[in-house]
Structures are given as structure tokens and as C-alpha cells.
Amino acid sequence: MALQARLTITGRVQGVGYRDWVVDTGRSLGLAGWVRNRGDGAVEALIVGEDAAVGAMIDACRQGPPLARVDEIEVEPVDLDILPDGFRRLPTA
């Protein structure tokens, strides 16, 4: 059973390559999901995968890419019926 979580990341996370970094990191960890900017300045991500990989992704997101400054990450468990295939960027919500 895959662990599923929705992350809301706040701080200086838009305009610093955060989404591309999330896609690259998620793929390298073997995760599925998506990432997008939100209109409120946050970045939102859905991550699906094995427990250890999801935990590693959450830890990595606390740091982010070099130009980012992460102030807070809200982690919300989700229970999807249809799981995403691959990891990709979505348009701003």
C-alpha cells in the first residue's frame, strides 16, 4: 500500500526553481505525484510512494533548492482512489 500525502509549502518557494526541484527529487526517489504553484504564494504537492521515500521527500522539501527559503510545510494524509502515474508539474491553482 502506497503512502499518500498532500504538502503545502510556504516561504520563498515561487520563482526559485522549487517546482522543478520537487519533480526531479520526487522522480529520483521513485515517487508519483504532482506539484504546482498556488495563487496565495505557496507550493502544493501530492506525493505517493513507499513510506521511506515519502518521508525522505518531506524531509527534502523542508530544505528545498538553494534559492528557496521554506518557512513551513503542512502535511495532510490523503486517500486517493486513482493514483497518479509519474511525477509532473501542474498549472498554478
N, C-alpha and C. Protein backbone atom coordinates (compact mmCIF):
# COMPACT_ATOMS: atom_id res chain seq x y z
N MET A 1 0.85 -1.20 0.00
CA MET A 1 0.00 0.00 0.00
C MET A 1 0.88 1.25 0.00
N ALA A 2 0.62 2.13 -0.90
CA ALA A 2 1.42 3.36 -1.01
C ALA A 2 0.92 4.40 -0.02
N LEU A 3 1.85 5.13 0.55
CA LEU A 3 1.54 6.26 1.41
C LEU A 3 1.25 7.45 0.52
N GLN A 4 0.23 8.23 0.87
CA GLN A 4 -0.19 9.39 0.07
C GLN A 4 -0.26 10.61 0.97
N ALA A 5 0.33 11.72 0.53
CA ALA A 5 0.31 12.94 1.32
C ALA A 5 0.23 14.16 0.42
N ARG A 6 -0.47 15.18 0.90
CA ARG A 6 -0.53 16.47 0.22
C ARG A 6 0.29 17.44 1.08
N LEU A 7 1.25 18.11 0.43
CA LEU A 7 2.11 19.06 1.12
C LEU A 7 1.75 20.47 0.68
N THR A 8 1.70 21.39 1.64
CA THR A 8 1.57 22.81 1.36
C THR A 8 2.82 23.46 1.93
N ILE A 9 3.64 24.02 1.04
CA ILE A 9 4.94 24.55 1.41
C ILE A 9 4.88 26.06 1.29
N THR A 10 5.23 26.76 2.37
CA THR A 10 5.19 28.22 2.36
C THR A 10 6.59 28.78 2.65
N GLY A 11 6.79 30.02 2.25
CA GLY A 11 8.08 30.70 2.38
C GLY A 11 8.41 31.33 1.04
N ARG A 12 9.71 31.44 0.73
CA ARG A 12 10.12 31.91 -0.59
C ARG A 12 10.28 30.67 -1.46
N VAL A 13 9.16 30.23 -2.04
CA VAL A 13 9.13 28.96 -2.77
C VAL A 13 8.63 29.11 -4.21
N GLN A 14 8.29 30.31 -4.62
CA GLN A 14 7.92 30.55 -6.02
C GLN A 14 8.98 31.42 -6.66
N GLY A 15 9.31 31.12 -7.91
CA GLY A 15 10.31 31.89 -8.63
C GLY A 15 11.74 31.52 -8.29
N VAL A 16 11.92 30.38 -7.62
CA VAL A 16 13.27 29.96 -7.20
C VAL A 16 13.59 28.54 -7.67
N GLY A 17 12.78 28.01 -8.60
CA GLY A 17 13.03 26.66 -9.12
C GLY A 17 12.52 25.55 -8.25
N TYR A 18 11.64 25.89 -7.31
CA TYR A 18 11.17 24.88 -6.34
C TYR A 18 10.39 23.76 -7.03
N ARG A 19 9.50 24.09 -7.95
CA ARG A 19 8.69 23.04 -8.59
C ARG A 19 9.53 22.06 -9.40
N ASP A 20 10.46 22.58 -10.20
CA ASP A 20 11.33 21.69 -10.97
C ASP A 20 12.16 20.81 -10.03
N TRP A 21 12.63 21.40 -8.95
CA TRP A 21 13.39 20.65 -7.95
C TRP A 21 12.53 19.53 -7.34
N VAL A 22 11.26 19.83 -7.04
CA VAL A 22 10.36 18.81 -6.48
C VAL A 22 10.17 17.66 -7.48
N VAL A 23 9.96 17.99 -8.75
CA VAL A 23 9.79 16.95 -9.78
C VAL A 23 11.03 16.07 -9.84
N ASP A 24 12.21 16.69 -9.93
CA ASP A 24 13.46 15.92 -10.02
C ASP A 24 13.67 15.05 -8.78
N THR A 25 13.43 15.63 -7.60
CA THR A 25 13.62 14.90 -6.34
C THR A 25 12.61 13.76 -6.22
N GLY A 26 11.35 14.05 -6.54
CA GLY A 26 10.32 13.01 -6.48
C GLY A 26 10.63 11.85 -7.40
N ARG A 27 11.04 12.15 -8.62
CA ARG A 27 11.38 11.09 -9.57
C ARG A 27 12.57 10.28 -9.08
N SER A 28 13.59 10.96 -8.53
CA SER A 28 14.78 10.24 -8.07
C SER A 28 14.46 9.32 -6.89
N LEU A 29 13.43 9.65 -6.13
CA LEU A 29 13.01 8.81 -5.00
C LEU A 29 11.99 7.74 -5.41
N GLY A 30 11.62 7.72 -6.70
CA GLY A 30 10.66 6.74 -7.18
C GLY A 30 9.22 7.04 -6.79
N LEU A 31 8.92 8.31 -6.55
CA LEU A 31 7.57 8.72 -6.15
C LEU A 31 6.73 9.08 -7.36
N ALA A 32 5.43 9.06 -7.18
CA ALA A 32 4.48 9.57 -8.16
C ALA A 32 3.82 10.79 -7.54
N GLY A 33 3.24 11.64 -8.40
CA GLY A 33 2.51 12.79 -7.87
C GLY A 33 2.62 13.99 -8.77
N TRP A 34 2.39 15.15 -8.19
CA TRP A 34 2.43 16.40 -8.93
C TRP A 34 2.81 17.55 -7.99
N VAL A 35 3.18 18.66 -8.59
CA VAL A 35 3.49 19.88 -7.84
C VAL A 35 2.98 21.06 -8.64
N ARG A 36 2.51 22.09 -7.93
CA ARG A 36 2.02 23.30 -8.59
C ARG A 36 2.17 24.49 -7.66
N ASN A 37 2.27 25.68 -8.27
CA ASN A 37 2.18 26.92 -7.50
C ASN A 37 0.73 27.16 -7.16
N ARG A 38 0.53 27.86 -6.05
CA ARG A 38 -0.82 28.31 -5.70
C ARG A 38 -0.86 29.82 -5.77
N GLY A 39 -2.04 30.34 -5.99
CA GLY A 39 -2.22 31.78 -6.11
C GLY A 39 -1.85 32.54 -4.85
N ASP A 40 -1.83 31.87 -3.70
CA ASP A 40 -1.50 32.52 -2.43
C ASP A 40 0.00 32.57 -2.15
N GLY A 41 0.83 32.10 -3.11
CA GLY A 41 2.28 32.15 -2.94
C GLY A 41 2.89 30.86 -2.43
N ALA A 42 2.06 29.91 -2.06
CA ALA A 42 2.55 28.62 -1.58
C ALA A 42 2.80 27.68 -2.77
N VAL A 43 3.47 26.58 -2.50
CA VAL A 43 3.61 25.49 -3.45
C VAL A 43 2.88 24.30 -2.85
N GLU A 44 2.10 23.61 -3.68
CA GLU A 44 1.33 22.44 -3.23
C GLU A 44 1.84 21.22 -3.99
N ALA A 45 1.98 20.11 -3.28
CA ALA A 45 2.45 18.88 -3.92
C ALA A 45 1.66 17.70 -3.40
N LEU A 46 1.41 16.76 -4.28
CA LEU A 46 0.84 15.47 -3.90
C LEU A 46 1.93 14.45 -4.14
N ILE A 47 2.24 13.66 -3.11
CA ILE A 47 3.28 12.64 -3.26
C ILE A 47 2.72 11.29 -2.86
N VAL A 48 3.08 10.28 -3.66
CA VAL A 48 2.59 8.92 -3.45
C VAL A 48 3.78 7.97 -3.61
N GLY A 49 3.95 7.09 -2.63
CA GLY A 49 5.03 6.12 -2.74
C GLY A 49 5.21 5.34 -1.46
N GLU A 50 6.31 4.60 -1.40
CA GLU A 50 6.63 3.83 -0.20
C GLU A 50 6.91 4.77 0.96
N ASP A 51 6.61 4.29 2.18
CA ASP A 51 6.73 5.13 3.38
C ASP A 51 8.08 5.83 3.48
N ALA A 52 9.17 5.09 3.31
CA ALA A 52 10.51 5.67 3.47
C ALA A 52 10.76 6.76 2.44
N ALA A 53 10.32 6.55 1.19
CA ALA A 53 10.53 7.54 0.13
C ALA A 53 9.70 8.79 0.39
N VAL A 54 8.46 8.62 0.85
CA VAL A 54 7.61 9.78 1.16
C VAL A 54 8.24 10.57 2.31
N GLY A 55 8.72 9.87 3.32
CA GLY A 55 9.39 10.55 4.44
C GLY A 55 10.62 11.30 3.99
N ALA A 56 11.42 10.69 3.11
CA ALA A 56 12.62 11.35 2.58
C ALA A 56 12.24 12.59 1.78
N MET A 57 11.14 12.51 1.03
CA MET A 57 10.70 13.65 0.23
C MET A 57 10.25 14.80 1.13
N ILE A 58 9.51 14.49 2.17
CA ILE A 58 9.06 15.53 3.11
C ILE A 58 10.27 16.20 3.75
N ASP A 59 11.25 15.40 4.17
CA ASP A 59 12.47 15.97 4.76
C ASP A 59 13.20 16.85 3.76
N ALA A 60 13.31 16.39 2.50
CA ALA A 60 14.00 17.17 1.48
C ALA A 60 13.26 18.48 1.21
N CYS A 61 11.93 18.43 1.21
CA CYS A 61 11.14 19.64 0.94
C CYS A 61 11.31 20.70 2.03
N ARG A 62 11.71 20.29 3.21
CA ARG A 62 11.95 21.26 4.30
C ARG A 62 13.15 22.15 3.96
N GLN A 63 14.08 21.65 3.13
CA GLN A 63 15.25 22.43 2.69
C GLN A 63 14.98 23.09 1.35
N GLY A 64 14.54 22.31 0.37
CA GLY A 64 14.28 22.83 -0.97
C GLY A 64 15.57 23.13 -1.71
N PRO A 65 15.44 23.74 -2.90
CA PRO A 65 16.62 24.09 -3.69
C PRO A 65 17.37 25.27 -3.05
N PRO A 66 18.58 25.56 -3.53
CA PRO A 66 19.42 26.56 -2.88
C PRO A 66 18.79 27.95 -2.70
N LEU A 67 18.01 28.44 -3.67
CA LEU A 67 17.47 29.80 -3.57
C LEU A 67 16.18 29.89 -2.75
N ALA A 68 15.63 28.75 -2.36
CA ALA A 68 14.36 28.75 -1.62
C ALA A 68 14.59 29.00 -0.13
N ARG A 69 13.54 29.49 0.51
CA ARG A 69 13.51 29.58 1.97
C ARG A 69 12.16 29.00 2.40
N VAL A 70 12.20 27.84 3.03
CA VAL A 70 10.97 27.17 3.45
C VAL A 70 10.66 27.59 4.89
N ASP A 71 9.49 28.20 5.07
CA ASP A 71 9.07 28.60 6.42
C ASP A 71 8.27 27.50 7.10
N GLU A 72 7.42 26.83 6.34
CA GLU A 72 6.54 25.82 6.95
C GLU A 72 6.09 24.82 5.89
N ILE A 73 5.90 23.58 6.33
CA ILE A 73 5.29 22.56 5.48
C ILE A 73 4.13 21.95 6.26
N GLU A 74 2.96 22.02 5.65
CA GLU A 74 1.78 21.35 6.21
C GLU A 74 1.63 20.03 5.46
N VAL A 75 1.58 18.93 6.22
CA VAL A 75 1.46 17.60 5.63
C VAL A 75 0.08 17.05 5.97
N GLU A 76 -0.69 16.73 4.94
CA GLU A 76 -2.04 16.21 5.12
C GLU A 76 -2.15 14.85 4.45
N PRO A 77 -2.48 13.80 5.22
CA PRO A 77 -2.67 12.49 4.57
C PRO A 77 -3.90 12.53 3.67
N VAL A 78 -3.82 11.85 2.54
CA VAL A 78 -4.94 11.74 1.62
C VAL A 78 -5.16 10.27 1.28
N ASP A 79 -6.32 9.97 0.77
CA ASP A 79 -6.65 8.59 0.39
C ASP A 79 -7.30 8.63 -0.99
N LEU A 80 -6.48 8.51 -2.02
CA LEU A 80 -6.97 8.60 -3.40
C LEU A 80 -7.40 7.24 -3.91
N ASP A 81 -8.44 7.23 -4.70
CA ASP A 81 -8.88 6.00 -5.37
C ASP A 81 -8.01 5.72 -6.60
N ILE A 82 -7.65 6.80 -7.31
CA ILE A 82 -6.83 6.66 -8.51
C ILE A 82 -5.49 7.35 -8.24
N LEU A 83 -4.42 6.57 -8.31
CA LEU A 83 -3.10 7.12 -8.01
C LEU A 83 -2.47 7.71 -9.26
N PRO A 84 -1.69 8.80 -9.10
CA PRO A 84 -1.03 9.40 -10.25
C PRO A 84 0.04 8.48 -10.81
N ASP A 85 0.32 8.67 -12.08
CA ASP A 85 1.36 7.90 -12.76
C ASP A 85 2.49 8.86 -13.10
N GLY A 86 3.66 8.64 -12.54
CA GLY A 86 4.79 9.53 -12.77
C GLY A 86 4.71 10.75 -11.87
N PHE A 87 5.63 11.68 -12.09
CA PHE A 87 5.68 12.92 -11.29
C PHE A 87 5.77 14.09 -12.26
N ARG A 88 4.89 15.09 -12.10
CA ARG A 88 4.83 16.18 -13.07
C ARG A 88 4.44 17.50 -12.43
N ARG A 89 4.65 18.55 -13.19
CA ARG A 89 4.21 19.90 -12.80
C ARG A 89 2.80 20.12 -13.32
N LEU A 90 1.99 20.78 -12.52
CA LEU A 90 0.65 21.18 -12.95
C LEU A 90 0.59 22.70 -13.02
N PRO A 91 -0.38 23.25 -13.75
CA PRO A 91 -0.55 24.70 -13.79
C PRO A 91 -0.90 25.25 -12.41
N THR A 92 -0.65 26.53 -12.22
CA THR A 92 -0.98 27.21 -10.97
C THR A 92 -2.46 27.06 -10.66
N ALA A 93 -2.74 26.83 -9.38
CA ALA A 93 -4.14 26.67 -8.94
C ALA A 93 -4.62 27.96 -8.29
